[in-house]
């Protein structure tokens, strides 16, 4: 902060000790401590008043940001999203062997890699390559 290092602060303290003298130094140190404490209380009260007026929630549940919980919740999510009308329409437009799915408007298209979709997604199922009879026999064994 302000480019001050511990060495510079120590030097300022030594110079203040020499200039003020040993009798006045404790008085000024006590006054500085009171000023810092009052400033800190002012900032906390102003922050609290602003949060109350703006309706900001002051209490946060920090457990929701625990990395173990985030990973556990992500792994416990259902793999197949619910099939909506939009998803079914997109699945009808997908051709077997297609690699990307283009969604969004013409002004802002969005390409989605079909392999990144969950296994049960109808768009991924529709894009699965069609196997011929001999390939199907080899695949099913």
C-alpha atoms as a PDB file:
ATOM      1  CA  UNK A   1       0.000   0.000   0.000  1.00  0.00           C
ATOM      2  CA  UNK A   2       1.510   3.327  -1.131  1.00  0.00           C
ATOM      3  CA  UNK A   3       4.787   1.518  -1.788  1.00  0.00           C
ATOM      4  CA  UNK A   4       5.530   1.310   1.943  1.00  0.00           C
ATOM      5  CA  UNK A   5       7.557  -1.646   3.065  1.00  0.00           C
ATOM      6  CA  UNK A   6       8.215  -2.804   6.590  1.00  0.00           C
ATOM      7  CA  UNK A   7      11.671  -1.252   6.505  1.00  0.00           C
ATOM      8  CA  UNK A   8      10.282   2.164   5.511  1.00  0.00           C
ATOM      9  CA  UNK A   9       7.650   2.061   8.231  1.00  0.00           C
ATOM     10  CA  UNK A  10      10.291   1.084  10.782  1.00  0.00           C
ATOM     11  CA  UNK A  11      12.439   4.031   9.682  1.00  0.00           C
ATOM     12  CA  UNK A  12       9.471   6.411  10.026  1.00  0.00           C
ATOM     13  CA  UNK A  13       8.800   5.050  13.543  1.00  0.00           C
ATOM     14  CA  UNK A  14      12.436   5.633  14.573  1.00  0.00           C
ATOM     15  CA  UNK A  15      12.374   9.196  13.190  1.00  0.00           C
ATOM     16  CA  UNK A  16       9.056   9.850  14.991  1.00  0.00           C
ATOM     17  CA  UNK A  17      10.594   8.524  18.219  1.00  0.00           C
ATOM     18  CA  UNK A  18      13.559  10.873  17.891  1.00  0.00           C
ATOM     19  CA  UNK A  19      11.475  13.927  16.912  1.00  0.00           C
ATOM     20  CA  UNK A  20       8.693  13.458  19.482  1.00  0.00           C
ATOM     21  CA  UNK A  21      10.834  12.176  22.274  1.00  0.00           C
ATOM     22  CA  UNK A  22      10.253   9.295  24.663  1.00  0.00           C
ATOM     23  CA  UNK A  23       7.740  11.213  26.862  1.00  0.00           C
ATOM     24  CA  UNK A  24       5.310  12.326  24.113  1.00  0.00           C
ATOM     25  CA  UNK A  25       5.576   9.222  21.904  1.00  0.00           C
ATOM     26  CA  UNK A  26       3.143   7.025  23.966  1.00  0.00           C
ATOM     27  CA  UNK A  27       0.555   9.829  23.977  1.00  0.00           C
ATOM     28  CA  UNK A  28       0.692  10.223  20.193  1.00  0.00           C
ATOM     29  CA  UNK A  29       0.662   6.441  19.666  1.00  0.00           C
ATOM     30  CA  UNK A  30      -2.475   6.165  21.817  1.00  0.00           C
ATOM     31  CA  UNK A  31      -4.105   9.021  19.884  1.00  0.00           C
ATOM     32  CA  UNK A  32      -3.221   7.365  16.566  1.00  0.00           C
ATOM     33  CA  UNK A  33      -4.720   4.068  17.756  1.00  0.00           C
ATOM     34  CA  UNK A  34      -7.968   5.833  18.776  1.00  0.00           C
ATOM     35  CA  UNK A  35      -8.156   7.586  15.395  1.00  0.00           C
ATOM     36  CA  UNK A  36      -7.651   4.332  13.469  1.00  0.00           C
ATOM     37  CA  UNK A  37     -10.269   2.587  15.653  1.00  0.00           C
ATOM     38  CA  UNK A  38     -12.780   5.426  15.097  1.00  0.00           C
ATOM     39  CA  UNK A  39     -12.138   5.355  11.345  1.00  0.00           C
ATOM     40  CA  UNK A  40     -12.677   1.582  11.260  1.00  0.00           C
ATOM     41  CA  UNK A  41     -15.960   1.907  13.211  1.00  0.00           C
ATOM     42  CA  UNK A  42     -17.123   4.664  10.845  1.00  0.00           C
ATOM     43  CA  UNK A  43     -16.414   2.522   7.781  1.00  0.00           C
ATOM     44  CA  UNK A  44     -18.217  -0.506   9.269  1.00  0.00           C
ATOM     45  CA  UNK A  45     -21.286   1.522  10.266  1.00  0.00           C
ATOM     46  CA  UNK A  46     -21.450   3.210   6.851  1.00  0.00           C
ATOM     47  CA  UNK A  47     -21.120  -0.148   5.087  1.00  0.00           C
ATOM     48  CA  UNK A  48     -23.862  -1.650   7.249  1.00  0.00           C
ATOM     49  CA  UNK A  49     -26.192   1.296   6.622  1.00  0.00           C
ATOM     50  CA  UNK A  50     -25.599   1.117   2.868  1.00  0.00           C
ATOM     51  CA  UNK A  51     -26.271  -2.632   2.815  1.00  0.00           C
ATOM     52  CA  UNK A  52     -29.501  -2.186   4.801  1.00  0.00           C
ATOM     53  CA  UNK A  53     -30.718   0.619   2.527  1.00  0.00           C
ATOM     54  CA  UNK A  54     -29.898  -1.250  -0.674  1.00  0.00           C
ATOM     55  CA  UNK A  55     -31.306  -4.526   0.625  1.00  0.00           C
ATOM     56  CA  UNK A  56     -28.091  -6.467   0.209  1.00  0.00           C
ATOM     57  CA  UNK A  57     -27.992  -9.689   2.188  1.00  0.00           C
ATOM     58  CA  UNK A  58     -25.201  -9.397   4.706  1.00  0.00           C
ATOM     59  CA  UNK A  59     -25.096 -13.040   5.710  1.00  0.00           C
ATOM     60  CA  UNK A  60     -23.584 -15.338   3.116  1.00  0.00           C
ATOM     61  CA  UNK A  61     -23.668 -19.095   3.295  1.00  0.00           C
ATOM     62  CA  UNK A  62     -20.011 -19.847   2.667  1.00  0.00           C
ATOM     63  CA  UNK A  63     -20.702 -23.589   2.718  1.00  0.00           C
ATOM     64  CA  UNK A  64     -22.185 -23.292  -0.764  1.00  0.00           C
ATOM     65  CA  UNK A  65     -18.726 -22.374  -2.086  1.00  0.00           C
ATOM     66  CA  UNK A  66     -16.970 -25.404  -0.572  1.00  0.00           C
ATOM     67  CA  UNK A  67     -15.129 -27.108  -3.479  1.00  0.00           C
ATOM     68  CA  UNK A  68     -16.008 -30.577  -2.195  1.00  0.00           C
ATOM     69  CA  UNK A  69     -19.695 -29.701  -2.147  1.00  0.00           C
ATOM     70  CA  UNK A  70     -19.552 -28.145  -5.625  1.00  0.00           C
ATOM     71  CA  UNK A  71     -17.937 -31.290  -7.077  1.00  0.00           C
ATOM     72  CA  UNK A  72     -20.334 -33.610  -5.203  1.00  0.00           C
ATOM     73  CA  UNK A  73     -23.358 -31.650  -6.450  1.00  0.00           C
ATOM     74  CA  UNK A  74     -22.017 -31.666 -10.007  1.00  0.00           C
ATOM     75  CA  UNK A  75     -21.490 -35.426  -9.914  1.00  0.00           C
ATOM     76  CA  UNK A  76     -24.944 -36.063  -8.424  1.00  0.00           C
ATOM     77  CA  UNK A  77     -26.784 -34.046 -11.091  1.00  0.00           C
ATOM     78  CA  UNK A  78     -28.900 -36.079 -13.462  1.00  0.00           C
ATOM     79  CA  UNK A  79     -26.990 -36.791 -16.652  1.00  0.00           C
ATOM     80  CA  UNK A  80     -29.877 -36.362 -19.065  1.00  0.00           C
ATOM     81  CA  UNK A  81     -31.535 -32.965 -19.142  1.00  0.00           C
ATOM     82  CA  UNK A  82     -35.316 -32.908 -19.420  1.00  0.00           C
ATOM     83  CA  UNK A  83     -36.488 -33.085 -23.015  1.00  0.00           C
ATOM     84  CA  UNK A  84     -38.140 -29.825 -23.981  1.00  0.00           C
ATOM     85  CA  UNK A  85     -39.885 -28.902 -27.213  1.00  0.00           C
ATOM     86  CA  UNK A  86     -36.833 -26.891 -28.261  1.00  0.00           C
ATOM     87  CA  UNK A  87     -34.517 -29.846 -27.628  1.00  0.00           C
ATOM     88  CA  UNK A  88     -36.823 -32.175 -29.577  1.00  0.00           C
ATOM     89  CA  UNK A  89     -36.908 -29.725 -32.521  1.00  0.00           C
ATOM     90  CA  UNK A  90     -33.112 -29.512 -32.519  1.00  0.00           C
ATOM     91  CA  UNK A  91     -32.884 -33.324 -32.392  1.00  0.00           C
ATOM     92  CA  UNK A  92     -35.076 -33.589 -35.510  1.00  0.00           C
ATOM     93  CA  UNK A  93     -32.659 -31.321 -37.410  1.00  0.00           C
ATOM     94  CA  UNK A  94     -29.528 -33.281 -36.430  1.00  0.00           C
ATOM     95  CA  UNK A  95     -28.112 -35.628 -39.064  1.00  0.00           C
ATOM     96  CA  UNK A  96     -26.319 -38.871 -38.210  1.00  0.00           C
ATOM     97  CA  UNK A  97     -22.583 -38.284 -37.974  1.00  0.00           C
ATOM     98  CA  UNK A  98     -22.954 -34.527 -37.370  1.00  0.00           C
ATOM     99  CA  UNK A  99     -20.217 -33.121 -35.126  1.00  0.00           C
ATOM    100  CA  UNK A 100     -21.614 -29.719 -34.115  1.00  0.00           C
ATOM    101  CA  UNK A 101     -25.054 -28.405 -33.226  1.00  0.00           C
ATOM    102  CA  UNK A 102     -25.772 -24.785 -34.153  1.00  0.00           C
ATOM    103  CA  UNK A 103     -28.222 -23.012 -31.837  1.00  0.00           C
ATOM    104  CA  UNK A 104     -29.231 -19.440 -31.199  1.00  0.00           C
ATOM    105  CA  UNK A 105     -30.283 -16.756 -33.638  1.00  0.00           C
ATOM    106  CA  UNK A 106     -28.734 -16.061 -37.015  1.00  0.00           C
ATOM    107  CA  UNK A 107     -27.160 -12.920 -35.572  1.00  0.00           C
ATOM    108  CA  UNK A 108     -25.609 -14.800 -32.651  1.00  0.00           C
ATOM    109  CA  UNK A 109     -25.176 -18.465 -33.534  1.00  0.00           C
ATOM    110  CA  UNK A 110     -23.674 -20.804 -30.971  1.00  0.00           C
ATOM    111  CA  UNK A 111     -21.876 -24.017 -31.894  1.00  0.00           C
ATOM    112  CA  UNK A 112     -22.048 -26.898 -29.428  1.00  0.00           C
ATOM    113  CA  UNK A 113     -19.886 -29.979 -29.805  1.00  0.00           C
ATOM    114  CA  UNK A 114     -22.314 -32.891 -29.857  1.00  0.00           C
ATOM    115  CA  UNK A 115     -19.853 -35.110 -27.998  1.00  0.00           C
ATOM    116  CA  UNK A 116     -20.052 -32.678 -25.065  1.00  0.00           C
ATOM    117  CA  UNK A 117     -23.788 -33.325 -24.637  1.00  0.00           C
ATOM    118  CA  UNK A 118     -24.881 -35.896 -22.017  1.00  0.00           C
ATOM    119  CA  UNK A 119     -25.289 -39.502 -23.166  1.00  0.00           C
ATOM    120  CA  UNK A 120     -29.097 -39.519 -22.898  1.00  0.00           C
ATOM    121  CA  UNK A 121     -29.588 -36.242 -24.766  1.00  0.00           C
ATOM    122  CA  UNK A 122     -31.831 -36.788 -27.817  1.00  0.00           C
ATOM    123  CA  UNK A 123     -29.611 -34.533 -29.934  1.00  0.00           C
ATOM    124  CA  UNK A 124     -26.612 -36.762 -29.243  1.00  0.00           C
ATOM    125  CA  UNK A 125     -28.621 -39.892 -29.948  1.00  0.00           C
ATOM    126  CA  UNK A 126     -29.813 -38.435 -33.264  1.00  0.00           C
ATOM    127  CA  UNK A 127     -26.228 -37.588 -34.245  1.00  0.00           C
ATOM    128  CA  UNK A 128     -24.941 -41.101 -33.596  1.00  0.00           C
ATOM    129  CA  UNK A 129     -23.492 -42.544 -36.801  1.00  0.00           C
ATOM    130  CA  UNK A 130     -25.689 -45.129 -38.485  1.00  0.00           C
ATOM    131  CA  UNK A 131     -24.111 -48.579 -38.480  1.00  0.00           C
ATOM    132  CA  UNK A 132     -24.544 -50.908 -41.401  1.00  0.00           C
ATOM    133  CA  UNK A 133     -25.651 -54.489 -40.881  1.00  0.00           C
ATOM    134  CA  UNK A 134     -22.112 -55.947 -40.829  1.00  0.00           C
ATOM    135  CA  UNK A 135     -20.850 -53.207 -38.477  1.00  0.00           C
ATOM    136  CA  UNK A 136     -23.862 -53.738 -36.221  1.00  0.00           C
ATOM    137  CA  UNK A 137     -23.164 -57.486 -36.044  1.00  0.00           C
ATOM    138  CA  UNK A 138     -19.518 -56.845 -35.084  1.00  0.00           C
ATOM    139  CA  UNK A 139     -20.502 -54.201 -32.495  1.00  0.00           C
ATOM    140  CA  UNK A 140     -23.065 -56.439 -30.760  1.00  0.00           C
ATOM    141  CA  UNK A 141     -20.750 -59.402 -31.022  1.00  0.00           C
END
